[in-house]
């Protein structure tokens, strides 16, 4: 895989007056995003500037947090 293949413009969306936007059906299908699925919005800073916004399935993010912090918190609780 070419290193430039990792990033591409998948869609251009509009933000309406209420701040809402719609992810195109083709992109939702490609990403496996279904109705009523929760997405976490993550921001990436470069210095003081917001440079990127990404979406992550909330369930996947919660699992990553459990895997990362679960062992640390378990060890901290055992030490008390």
C-alpha atoms as a PDB file:
ATOM      1  CA  UNK A   1       0.000   0.000   0.000  1.00  0.00           C
ATOM      2  CA  UNK A   2       1.238   3.452  -0.885  1.00  0.00           C
ATOM      3  CA  UNK A   3       1.627   5.641   2.206  1.00  0.00           C
ATOM      4  CA  UNK A   4      -0.674   8.222   0.610  1.00  0.00           C
ATOM      5  CA  UNK A   5      -3.456   5.626   0.315  1.00  0.00           C
ATOM      6  CA  UNK A   6      -4.174   5.968   4.042  1.00  0.00           C
ATOM      7  CA  UNK A   7      -5.741   9.421   3.728  1.00  0.00           C
ATOM      8  CA  UNK A   8      -8.266  10.654   1.199  1.00  0.00           C
ATOM      9  CA  UNK A   9     -11.289  12.901   0.958  1.00  0.00           C
ATOM     10  CA  UNK A  10     -14.227  10.494   1.290  1.00  0.00           C
ATOM     11  CA  UNK A  11     -16.977  13.099   1.154  1.00  0.00           C
ATOM     12  CA  UNK A  12     -17.721  16.781   1.457  1.00  0.00           C
ATOM     13  CA  UNK A  13     -20.653  17.533   3.763  1.00  0.00           C
ATOM     14  CA  UNK A  14     -22.636  20.645   4.590  1.00  0.00           C
ATOM     15  CA  UNK A  15     -23.264  21.903   8.096  1.00  0.00           C
ATOM     16  CA  UNK A  16     -26.792  23.267   8.463  1.00  0.00           C
ATOM     17  CA  UNK A  17     -27.950  26.229  10.549  1.00  0.00           C
ATOM     18  CA  UNK A  18     -28.367  23.956  13.588  1.00  0.00           C
ATOM     19  CA  UNK A  19     -24.785  22.669  13.259  1.00  0.00           C
ATOM     20  CA  UNK A  20     -25.855  19.263  11.978  1.00  0.00           C
ATOM     21  CA  UNK A  21     -24.374  17.347   9.083  1.00  0.00           C
ATOM     22  CA  UNK A  22     -25.206  14.127   7.287  1.00  0.00           C
ATOM     23  CA  UNK A  23     -22.649  11.447   6.506  1.00  0.00           C
ATOM     24  CA  UNK A  24     -23.360  10.096   3.015  1.00  0.00           C
ATOM     25  CA  UNK A  25     -24.895   6.626   2.860  1.00  0.00           C
ATOM     26  CA  UNK A  26     -21.951   5.190   0.916  1.00  0.00           C
ATOM     27  CA  UNK A  27     -19.518   6.352   3.609  1.00  0.00           C
ATOM     28  CA  UNK A  28     -21.716   5.029   6.447  1.00  0.00           C
ATOM     29  CA  UNK A  29     -21.934   1.656   4.709  1.00  0.00           C
ATOM     30  CA  UNK A  30     -18.183   1.556   4.047  1.00  0.00           C
ATOM     31  CA  UNK A  31     -17.504   2.375   7.719  1.00  0.00           C
ATOM     32  CA  UNK A  32     -20.169  -0.006   9.030  1.00  0.00           C
ATOM     33  CA  UNK A  33     -22.053   2.799  10.768  1.00  0.00           C
ATOM     34  CA  UNK A  34     -25.671   1.845  11.376  1.00  0.00           C
ATOM     35  CA  UNK A  35     -28.771   3.718  12.542  1.00  0.00           C
ATOM     36  CA  UNK A  36     -28.696   4.946  16.150  1.00  0.00           C
ATOM     37  CA  UNK A  37     -25.012   4.083  16.494  1.00  0.00           C
ATOM     38  CA  UNK A  38     -23.127   6.479  18.763  1.00  0.00           C
ATOM     39  CA  UNK A  39     -19.949   8.132  17.474  1.00  0.00           C
ATOM     40  CA  UNK A  40     -17.324   9.903  19.557  1.00  0.00           C
ATOM     41  CA  UNK A  41     -15.916  13.094  18.046  1.00  0.00           C
ATOM     42  CA  UNK A  42     -12.183  13.393  18.665  1.00  0.00           C
ATOM     43  CA  UNK A  43     -10.209  16.580  18.087  1.00  0.00           C
ATOM     44  CA  UNK A  44      -6.526  16.757  17.263  1.00  0.00           C
ATOM     45  CA  UNK A  45      -4.540  19.861  18.110  1.00  0.00           C
ATOM     46  CA  UNK A  46      -1.421  21.205  16.473  1.00  0.00           C
ATOM     47  CA  UNK A  47      -0.117  23.691  18.974  1.00  0.00           C
ATOM     48  CA  UNK A  48      -3.089  25.931  19.805  1.00  0.00           C
ATOM     49  CA  UNK A  49      -4.908  25.182  16.536  1.00  0.00           C
ATOM     50  CA  UNK A  50      -7.456  22.470  15.924  1.00  0.00           C
ATOM     51  CA  UNK A  51      -6.115  20.618  12.912  1.00  0.00           C
ATOM     52  CA  UNK A  52      -8.312  17.521  12.596  1.00  0.00           C
ATOM     53  CA  UNK A  53     -11.618  16.082  13.724  1.00  0.00           C
ATOM     54  CA  UNK A  54     -12.169  12.331  13.590  1.00  0.00           C
ATOM     55  CA  UNK A  55     -15.092  10.053  14.343  1.00  0.00           C
ATOM     56  CA  UNK A  56     -14.753   6.844  16.332  1.00  0.00           C
ATOM     57  CA  UNK A  57     -17.466   4.355  17.202  1.00  0.00           C
ATOM     58  CA  UNK A  58     -18.252   5.017  20.869  1.00  0.00           C
ATOM     59  CA  UNK A  59     -18.311   1.289  21.679  1.00  0.00           C
ATOM     60  CA  UNK A  60     -14.850   0.830  20.150  1.00  0.00           C
ATOM     61  CA  UNK A  61     -13.505   3.833  22.046  1.00  0.00           C
ATOM     62  CA  UNK A  62     -14.960   2.554  25.317  1.00  0.00           C
ATOM     63  CA  UNK A  63     -13.292  -0.835  24.732  1.00  0.00           C
ATOM     64  CA  UNK A  64      -9.932   0.852  24.045  1.00  0.00           C
ATOM     65  CA  UNK A  65     -10.261   2.814  27.290  1.00  0.00           C
ATOM     66  CA  UNK A  66     -11.097  -0.368  29.233  1.00  0.00           C
ATOM     67  CA  UNK A  67      -8.087  -2.206  27.758  1.00  0.00           C
ATOM     68  CA  UNK A  68      -5.757   0.717  28.441  1.00  0.00           C
ATOM     69  CA  UNK A  69      -6.906   1.903  31.850  1.00  0.00           C
ATOM     70  CA  UNK A  70      -8.499  -1.250  33.248  1.00  0.00           C
ATOM     71  CA  UNK A  71      -5.209  -2.914  34.248  1.00  0.00           C
ATOM     72  CA  UNK A  72      -3.861   0.350  35.680  1.00  0.00           C
ATOM     73  CA  UNK A  73      -6.974   0.987  37.751  1.00  0.00           C
ATOM     74  CA  UNK A  74      -7.123  -2.645  38.928  1.00  0.00           C
ATOM     75  CA  UNK A  75      -3.531  -2.417  40.133  1.00  0.00           C
ATOM     76  CA  UNK A  76      -4.206   0.914  41.881  1.00  0.00           C
ATOM     77  CA  UNK A  77      -7.240  -0.515  43.695  1.00  0.00           C
ATOM     78  CA  UNK A  78      -5.288  -3.600  44.832  1.00  0.00           C
ATOM     79  CA  UNK A  79      -2.527  -1.376  46.258  1.00  0.00           C
ATOM     80  CA  UNK A  80      -4.884   0.475  48.634  1.00  0.00           C
END
